[in-house]
């Protein structure tokens, strides 16, 4: 288990680490993709389990699990307010209406 102060320990990252080019490529290809925060307020449920429906609750869980601290209600509200500023106007997507298939409809070549 991580120390509660693991992210506050400035001595951990004092010198840059040189990664050989071949290793860097292999690390990039296997690194998990982080979801973007844009429109995060509109994308509930949160986490892989999908069991958290409140953004404020998700922020509280992340504070405890990632930082090892209990965020105050004021901190959680401030973070949620910031995340809500990342919500933009949703693009209007119009799906085409395709004609019905008939015997004259060309089939794809196989």
Foldseek 3Di string as FASTA:
>chain_A
DDDLCVVVPVVVPPDDDDDDPVRVVVCVVPDDDDDDLQQVCVDADDDPVRPRGDQLVVVQVCCCVVNVDGDDSVRSVVVVVVSVVSYDDDDDDDDDDDDDDDPPDDDDDD
